[in-house]
C-alpha atoms as a PDB file:
ATOM      1  CA  MET A   1     196.617  45.740 107.627  1.00  0.00           C
ATOM      2  CA  PRO A   2     198.381  42.325 105.864  1.00  0.00           C
ATOM      3  CA  THR A   3     201.934  42.680 104.086  1.00  0.00           C
ATOM      4  CA  LEU A   4     201.953  42.016 100.505  1.00  0.00           C
ATOM      5  CA  SER A   5     204.636  38.577 101.412  1.00  0.00           C
ATOM      6  CA  CYS A   6     201.339  37.436 103.675  1.00  0.00           C
ATOM      7  CA  MET A   7     198.800  37.749 101.201  1.00  0.00           C
ATOM      8  CA  LEU A   8     200.819  36.208  98.982  1.00  0.00           C
ATOM      9  CA  ASN A   9     202.180  33.564 101.108  1.00  0.00           C
ATOM     10  CA  CYS A  10     199.253  33.425 103.603  1.00  0.00           C
ATOM     11  CA  VAL A  11     196.564  30.966 103.969  1.00  0.00           C
ATOM     12  CA  ARG A  12     193.511  31.378 106.902  1.00  0.00           C
ATOM     13  CA  ILE A  13     191.969  28.858 108.956  1.00  0.00           C
ATOM     14  CA  ILE A  14     188.559  29.216 108.082  1.00  0.00           C
ATOM     15  CA  ALA A  15     185.844  27.920 111.044  1.00  0.00           C
ATOM     16  CA  GLY A  16     186.018  26.202 114.376  1.00  0.00           C
ATOM     17  CA  SER A  17     188.496  27.504 117.358  1.00  0.00           C
ATOM     18  CA  LEU A  18     190.519  28.628 115.826  1.00  0.00           C
ATOM     19  CA  ARG A  19     188.753  30.691 113.253  1.00  0.00           C
ATOM     20  CA  SER A  20     190.441  33.862 110.983  1.00  0.00           C
ATOM     21  CA  ARG A  21     193.774  32.901 112.239  1.00  0.00           C
ATOM     22  CA  SER A  22     196.822  33.277 109.628  1.00  0.00           C
ATOM     23  CA  LEU A  23     198.830  30.378 108.979  1.00  0.00           C
ATOM     24  CA  ALA A  24     201.840  30.861 106.861  1.00  0.00           C
ATOM     25  CA  ALA A  25     202.647  29.221 103.490  1.00  0.00           C
ATOM     26  CA  PRO A  26     206.060  28.230 102.116  1.00  0.00           C
ATOM     27  CA  PRO A  27     206.675  30.374  99.253  1.00  0.00           C
ATOM     28  CA  GLY A  28     206.868  28.857  95.815  1.00  0.00           C
ATOM     29  CA  LEU A  29     204.910  26.208  94.058  1.00  0.00           C
ATOM     30  CA  ALA A  30     206.456  22.969  95.215  1.00  0.00           C
ATOM     31  CA  THR A  31     204.484  23.138  98.397  1.00  0.00           C
ATOM     32  CA  ARG A  32     201.224  24.602  97.462  1.00  0.00           C
ATOM     33  CA  PRO A  33     198.734  25.742 100.012  1.00  0.00           C
ATOM     34  CA  THR A  34     195.161  23.728  99.089  1.00  0.00           C
ATOM     35  CA  SER A  35     193.516  27.045  98.317  1.00  0.00           C
ATOM     36  CA  ASP A  36     190.561  28.795 101.097  1.00  0.00           C
ATOM     37  CA  ARG A  37     187.610  28.099  98.362  1.00  0.00           C
ATOM     38  CA  LEU A  38     188.927  24.301  98.258  1.00  0.00           C
ATOM     39  CA  ARG A  39     189.541  23.677 102.033  1.00  0.00           C
ATOM     40  CA  GLU A  40     185.827  24.780 102.383  1.00  0.00           C
ATOM     41  CA  THR A  41     184.595  23.110  99.607  1.00  0.00           C
ATOM     42  CA  LEU A  42     186.581  19.784 101.144  1.00  0.00           C
ATOM     43  CA  PHE A  43     185.531  20.106 104.963  1.00  0.00           C
ATOM     44  CA  ASN A  44     182.197  21.187 104.038  1.00  0.00           C
ATOM     45  CA  VAL A  45     181.809  17.112 103.134  1.00  0.00           C
ATOM     46  CA  LEU A  46     184.076  16.266 105.938  1.00  0.00           C
ATOM     47  CA  SER A  47     181.688  18.399 109.026  1.00  0.00           C
ATOM     48  CA  PRO A  48     179.466  15.447 109.938  1.00  0.00           C
ATOM     49  CA  ARG A  49     183.082  13.333 110.142  1.00  0.00           C
ATOM     50  CA  ILE A  50     185.608  16.034 111.988  1.00  0.00           C
ATOM     51  CA  GLU A  51     185.072  15.708 115.293  1.00  0.00           C
ATOM     52  CA  GLY A  52     186.865  13.898 117.350  1.00  0.00           C
ATOM     53  CA  ALA A  53     188.452  11.858 114.520  1.00  0.00           C
ATOM     54  CA  ALA A  54     191.905  10.846 113.825  1.00  0.00           C
ATOM     55  CA  PHE A  55     192.860  12.468 111.044  1.00  0.00           C
ATOM     56  CA  LEU A  56     196.287  12.026 108.764  1.00  0.00           C
ATOM     57  CA  ASP A  57     198.028  15.056 106.943  1.00  0.00           C
ATOM     58  CA  LEU A  58     200.124  13.211 104.330  1.00  0.00           C
ATOM     59  CA  TYR A  59     202.102  15.368 102.333  1.00  0.00           C
ATOM     60  CA  ALA A  60     201.282  18.240 105.062  1.00  0.00           C
ATOM     61  CA  GLY A  61     203.405  21.615 103.684  1.00  0.00           C
ATOM     62  CA  SER A  62     202.181  24.128 106.115  1.00  0.00           C
ATOM     63  CA  GLY A  63     199.552  21.909 107.593  1.00  0.00           C
ATOM     64  CA  ALA A  64     196.449  24.240 106.675  1.00  0.00           C
ATOM     65  CA  VAL A  65     194.207  21.125 106.070  1.00  0.00           C
ATOM     66  CA  GLY A  66     195.892  19.168 109.458  1.00  0.00           C
ATOM     67  CA  ILE A  67     195.035  22.640 111.303  1.00  0.00           C
ATOM     68  CA  GLU A  68     192.150  23.023 109.841  1.00  0.00           C
ATOM     69  CA  ALA A  69     190.750  19.617 111.122  1.00  0.00           C
ATOM     70  CA  LEU A  70     191.991  20.147 114.340  1.00  0.00           C
ATOM     71  CA  SER A  71     190.256  24.354 114.190  1.00  0.00           C
ATOM     72  CA  ARG A  72     186.812  21.838 113.513  1.00  0.00           C
ATOM     73  CA  GLY A  73     186.973  19.001 116.977  1.00  0.00           C
ATOM     74  CA  ALA A  74     189.621  16.678 114.903  1.00  0.00           C
ATOM     75  CA  SER A  75     190.850  14.515 118.447  1.00  0.00           C
ATOM     76  CA  ARG A  76     194.484  14.278 116.717  1.00  0.00           C
ATOM     77  CA  VAL A  77     196.295  14.464 113.333  1.00  0.00           C
ATOM     78  CA  GLU A  78     199.085  12.921 112.122  1.00  0.00           C
ATOM     79  CA  PHE A  79     201.670  15.349 109.902  1.00  0.00           C
ATOM     80  CA  ILE A  80     203.731  13.851 107.113  1.00  0.00           C
ATOM     81  CA  GLU A  81     206.041  15.954 105.765  1.00  0.00           C
ATOM     82  CA  LYS A  82     210.040  15.918 104.549  1.00  0.00           C
ATOM     83  CA  ALA A  83     210.600  18.976 102.394  1.00  0.00           C
ATOM     84  CA  PRO A  84     212.922  21.112 105.777  1.00  0.00           C
ATOM     85  CA  ALA A  85     211.310  24.531 104.268  1.00  0.00           C
ATOM     86  CA  ALA A  86     207.824  23.262 104.960  1.00  0.00           C
ATOM     87  CA  LEU A  87     208.597  21.377 108.197  1.00  0.00           C
ATOM     88  CA  LYS A  88     209.805  24.463 109.778  1.00  0.00           C
ATOM     89  CA  ILE A  89     206.943  26.702 108.738  1.00  0.00           C
ATOM     90  CA  LEU A  90     204.287  23.965 110.066  1.00  0.00           C
ATOM     91  CA  ARG A  91     205.955  23.647 113.615  1.00  0.00           C
ATOM     92  CA  GLY A  92     205.899  27.390 112.925  1.00  0.00           C
ATOM     93  CA  ASN A  93     202.560  27.639 112.669  1.00  0.00           C
ATOM     94  CA  LEU A  94     201.791  25.249 115.002  1.00  0.00           C
ATOM     95  CA  GLU A  95     204.082  27.032 117.833  1.00  0.00           C
ATOM     96  CA  LYS A  96     201.930  30.620 116.857  1.00  0.00           C
ATOM     97  CA  LEU A  97     198.600  28.851 117.465  1.00  0.00           C
ATOM     98  CA  GLY A  98     199.849  27.699 120.530  1.00  0.00           C
ATOM     99  CA  VAL A  99     198.599  24.175 119.602  1.00  0.00           C
ATOM    100  CA  VAL A 100     200.597  21.709 121.345  1.00  0.00           C
ATOM    101  CA  SER A 101     198.406  18.931 122.688  1.00  0.00           C
ATOM    102  CA  GLY A 102     196.539  16.049 120.095  1.00  0.00           C
ATOM    103  CA  VAL A 103     199.689  16.687 116.911  1.00  0.00           C
ATOM    104  CA  ARG A 104     202.467  14.765 115.513  1.00  0.00           C
ATOM    105  CA  ILE A 105     204.620  15.648 113.062  1.00  0.00           C
ATOM    106  CA  HIS A 106     206.970  12.900 111.088  1.00  0.00           C
ATOM    107  CA  ALA A 107     209.813  14.400 109.103  1.00  0.00           C
ATOM    108  CA  VAL A 108     209.520  11.492 106.703  1.00  0.00           C
ATOM    109  CA  SER A 109     208.280  11.001 103.239  1.00  0.00           C
ATOM    110  CA  VAL A 110     205.248   9.291 102.489  1.00  0.00           C
ATOM    111  CA  GLY A 111     206.201   6.134 101.559  1.00  0.00           C
ATOM    112  CA  ALA A 112     208.954   6.183 104.007  1.00  0.00           C
ATOM    113  CA  PHE A 113     205.900   6.662 106.868  1.00  0.00           C
ATOM    114  CA  LEU A 114     204.091   4.147 105.116  1.00  0.00           C
ATOM    115  CA  ARG A 115     206.243   1.151 104.828  1.00  0.00           C
ATOM    116  CA  ARG A 116     207.947   1.555 108.511  1.00  0.00           C
ATOM    117  CA  ALA A 117     204.673   1.322 110.132  1.00  0.00           C
ATOM    118  CA  VAL A 118     203.776  -1.415 107.912  1.00  0.00           C
ATOM    119  CA  GLU A 119     207.531  -2.893 108.588  1.00  0.00           C
ATOM    120  CA  ALA A 120     207.365  -2.157 112.159  1.00  0.00           C
ATOM    121  CA  ALA A 121     203.982  -3.820 113.084  1.00  0.00           C
ATOM    122  CA  ALA A 122     203.429  -0.109 114.367  1.00  0.00           C
ATOM    123  CA  ILE A 123     199.904   0.275 112.861  1.00  0.00           C
ATOM    124  CA  GLY A 124     197.795   0.406 116.288  1.00  0.00           C
ATOM    125  CA  ASP A 125     196.345   3.744 115.688  1.00  0.00           C
ATOM    126  CA  GLN A 126     194.172   3.761 112.992  1.00  0.00           C
ATOM    127  CA  HIS A 127     192.987   6.989 111.229  1.00  0.00           C
ATOM    128  CA  ASP A 128     189.237   8.348 110.411  1.00  0.00           C
ATOM    129  CA  VAL A 129     190.130  10.577 108.024  1.00  0.00           C
ATOM    130  CA  VAL A 130     193.565  10.255 105.043  1.00  0.00           C
ATOM    131  CA  PHE A 131     194.004  13.524 103.174  1.00  0.00           C
ATOM    132  CA  LEU A 132     197.027  13.407 100.851  1.00  0.00           C
ATOM    133  CA  ASP A 133     197.753  16.267  98.476  1.00  0.00           C
ATOM    134  CA  PRO A 134     201.915  15.069  96.473  1.00  0.00           C
ATOM    135  CA  PRO A 135     203.193  18.224  94.287  1.00  0.00           C
ATOM    136  CA  TRP A 136     200.718  17.685  91.153  1.00  0.00           C
ATOM    137  CA  ASP A 137     203.891  17.601  89.190  1.00  0.00           C
ATOM    138  CA  ALA A 138     204.842  14.150  90.970  1.00  0.00           C
ATOM    139  CA  ALA A 139     201.942  12.355  89.677  1.00  0.00           C
ATOM    140  CA  ASN A 140     203.209   8.460  90.388  1.00  0.00           C
ATOM    141  CA  GLU A 141     202.949   9.561  94.225  1.00  0.00           C
ATOM    142  CA  TYR A 142     199.097   9.087  93.728  1.00  0.00           C
ATOM    143  CA  ALA A 143     199.441   6.174  92.497  1.00  0.00           C
ATOM    144  CA  THR A 144     202.225   4.673  94.985  1.00  0.00           C
ATOM    145  CA  THR A 145     200.419   6.277  98.266  1.00  0.00           C
ATOM    146  CA  LEU A 146     196.461   4.882  97.229  1.00  0.00           C
ATOM    147  CA  GLU A 147     197.514   1.590  96.736  1.00  0.00           C
ATOM    148  CA  LEU A 148     199.655   1.325 100.020  1.00  0.00           C
ATOM    149  CA  LEU A 149     196.306   2.477 101.457  1.00  0.00           C
ATOM    150  CA  GLY A 150     194.668   0.505 100.052  1.00  0.00           C
ATOM    151  CA  GLY A 151     197.200  -2.644 100.672  1.00  0.00           C
ATOM    152  CA  ALA A 152     199.578  -3.273 103.089  1.00  0.00           C
ATOM    153  CA  ALA A 153     198.812  -0.180 105.276  1.00  0.00           C
ATOM    154  CA  THR A 154     195.388  -0.830 105.172  1.00  0.00           C
ATOM    155  CA  GLY A 155     195.589  -1.207 109.340  1.00  0.00           C
ATOM    156  CA  LEU A 156     196.117   2.448 109.448  1.00  0.00           C
ATOM    157  CA  LEU A 157     192.672   3.197 108.566  1.00  0.00           C
ATOM    158  CA  SER A 158     189.303   2.486 110.753  1.00  0.00           C
ATOM    159  CA  PRO A 159     186.621   0.569 108.892  1.00  0.00           C
ATOM    160  CA  ALA A 160     184.549   3.757 108.683  1.00  0.00           C
ATOM    161  CA  VAL A 161     187.526   5.969 106.932  1.00  0.00           C
ATOM    162  CA  ILE A 162     187.725   8.500 103.971  1.00  0.00           C
ATOM    163  CA  VAL A 163     190.749   8.916 101.987  1.00  0.00           C
ATOM    164  CA  ILE A 164     191.087  12.242  99.970  1.00  0.00           C
ATOM    165  CA  ALA A 165     193.288  12.979  97.500  1.00  0.00           C
ATOM    166  CA  GLU A 166     193.709  16.821  95.988  1.00  0.00           C
ATOM    167  CA  HIS A 167     194.969  16.276  92.731  1.00  0.00           C
ATOM    168  CA  ARG A 168     194.957  18.388  89.239  1.00  0.00           C
ATOM    169  CA  ARG A 169     191.589  18.515  87.634  1.00  0.00           C
ATOM    170  CA  LYS A 170     192.859  17.414  84.646  1.00  0.00           C
ATOM    171  CA  GLN A 171     194.682  14.376  86.245  1.00  0.00           C
ATOM    172  CA  ARG A 172     192.650  11.227  86.345  1.00  0.00           C
ATOM    173  CA  LEU A 173     193.153   8.364  89.393  1.00  0.00           C
ATOM    174  CA  GLU A 174     191.627   5.108  89.403  1.00  0.00           C
ATOM    175  CA  ASP A 175     188.096   4.188  90.665  1.00  0.00           C
ATOM    176  CA  ARG A 176     190.086   1.826  92.899  1.00  0.00           C
ATOM    177  CA  TYR A 177     192.975   1.095  94.838  1.00  0.00           C
ATOM    178  CA  GLY A 178     192.863  -2.255  96.230  1.00  0.00           C
ATOM    179  CA  SER A 179     190.097  -1.913  99.524  1.00  0.00           C
ATOM    180  CA  LEU A 180     189.701   1.576  98.554  1.00  0.00           C
ATOM    181  CA  GLU A 181     186.927   2.561  95.967  1.00  0.00           C
ATOM    182  CA  ARG A 182     185.674   6.311  94.683  1.00  0.00           C
ATOM    183  CA  THR A 183     182.721   7.154  95.953  1.00  0.00           C
ATOM    184  CA  ARG A 184     182.994  10.618  94.753  1.00  0.00           C
ATOM    185  CA  LEU A 185     184.947  13.748  92.819  1.00  0.00           C
ATOM    186  CA  LEU A 186     184.078  17.082  93.355  1.00  0.00           C
ATOM    187  CA  GLU A 187     185.736  19.296  90.259  1.00  0.00           C
ATOM    188  CA  GLN A 188     186.506  22.957  91.139  1.00  0.00           C
ATOM    189  CA  GLY A 189     188.794  25.542  89.190  1.00  0.00           C
ATOM    190  CA  ASP A 190     192.096  23.692  88.214  1.00  0.00           C
ATOM    191  CA  ALA A 191     191.977  21.040  91.214  1.00  0.00           C
ATOM    192  CA  ALA A 192     190.340  18.607  91.933  1.00  0.00           C
ATOM    193  CA  LEU A 193     189.155  16.576  95.051  1.00  0.00           C
ATOM    194  CA  SER A 194     188.644  11.995  94.596  1.00  0.00           C
ATOM    195  CA  PHE A 195     187.235  10.737  98.013  1.00  0.00           C
ATOM    196  CA  TYR A 196     187.894   6.681  98.798  1.00  0.00           C
ATOM    197  CA  ALA A 197     185.881   4.857 101.041  1.00  0.00           C
ATOM    198  CA  SER A 198     186.963   0.582 101.727  1.00  0.00           C
ATOM    199  CA  ALA A 199     184.733  -1.183  99.943  1.00  0.00           C
ATOM    200  CA  SER A 200     182.533  -3.269 101.425  1.00  0.00           C
END
């Protein structure tokens, strides 16, 4: 039986090769894990596209979303996270699960990661799925990140990319950021998922 601490600060992988394995999550609300229910909704939508996909997990936190993608058959996942406490837990989760290939951790801010890729002309590896879940109190991060992805950093994205932003239900994101156009909005409880694709 899980301890009270684990009940409060653990999440579980929902499906795939790592199904039902537990993950630690940072305590407190600064790093807020995507709920199991919302993750299930997300991957129900992504299920036709996740096998063999290159997945970019921005503001990765504990890594729950990216690890779920790996469990369901993503070929590789890049985790972007700068908070030391979250990085420690992310690395611990990967080690606990024995995940040693197909993953890369970038211990920098999302803005720095995207700008560095652009400035270094290091956009060679494209991503099929991009997930971003900034701290809800950092509302400006959404626009900054989505504008970079739809603009200067668009080379990171495959032509058929899907970009998903998790946000507060009450927070309204724009329908378009550069080349990215919103195609779907799913709301669940206090949270929402905005789906974007490259406009044709």
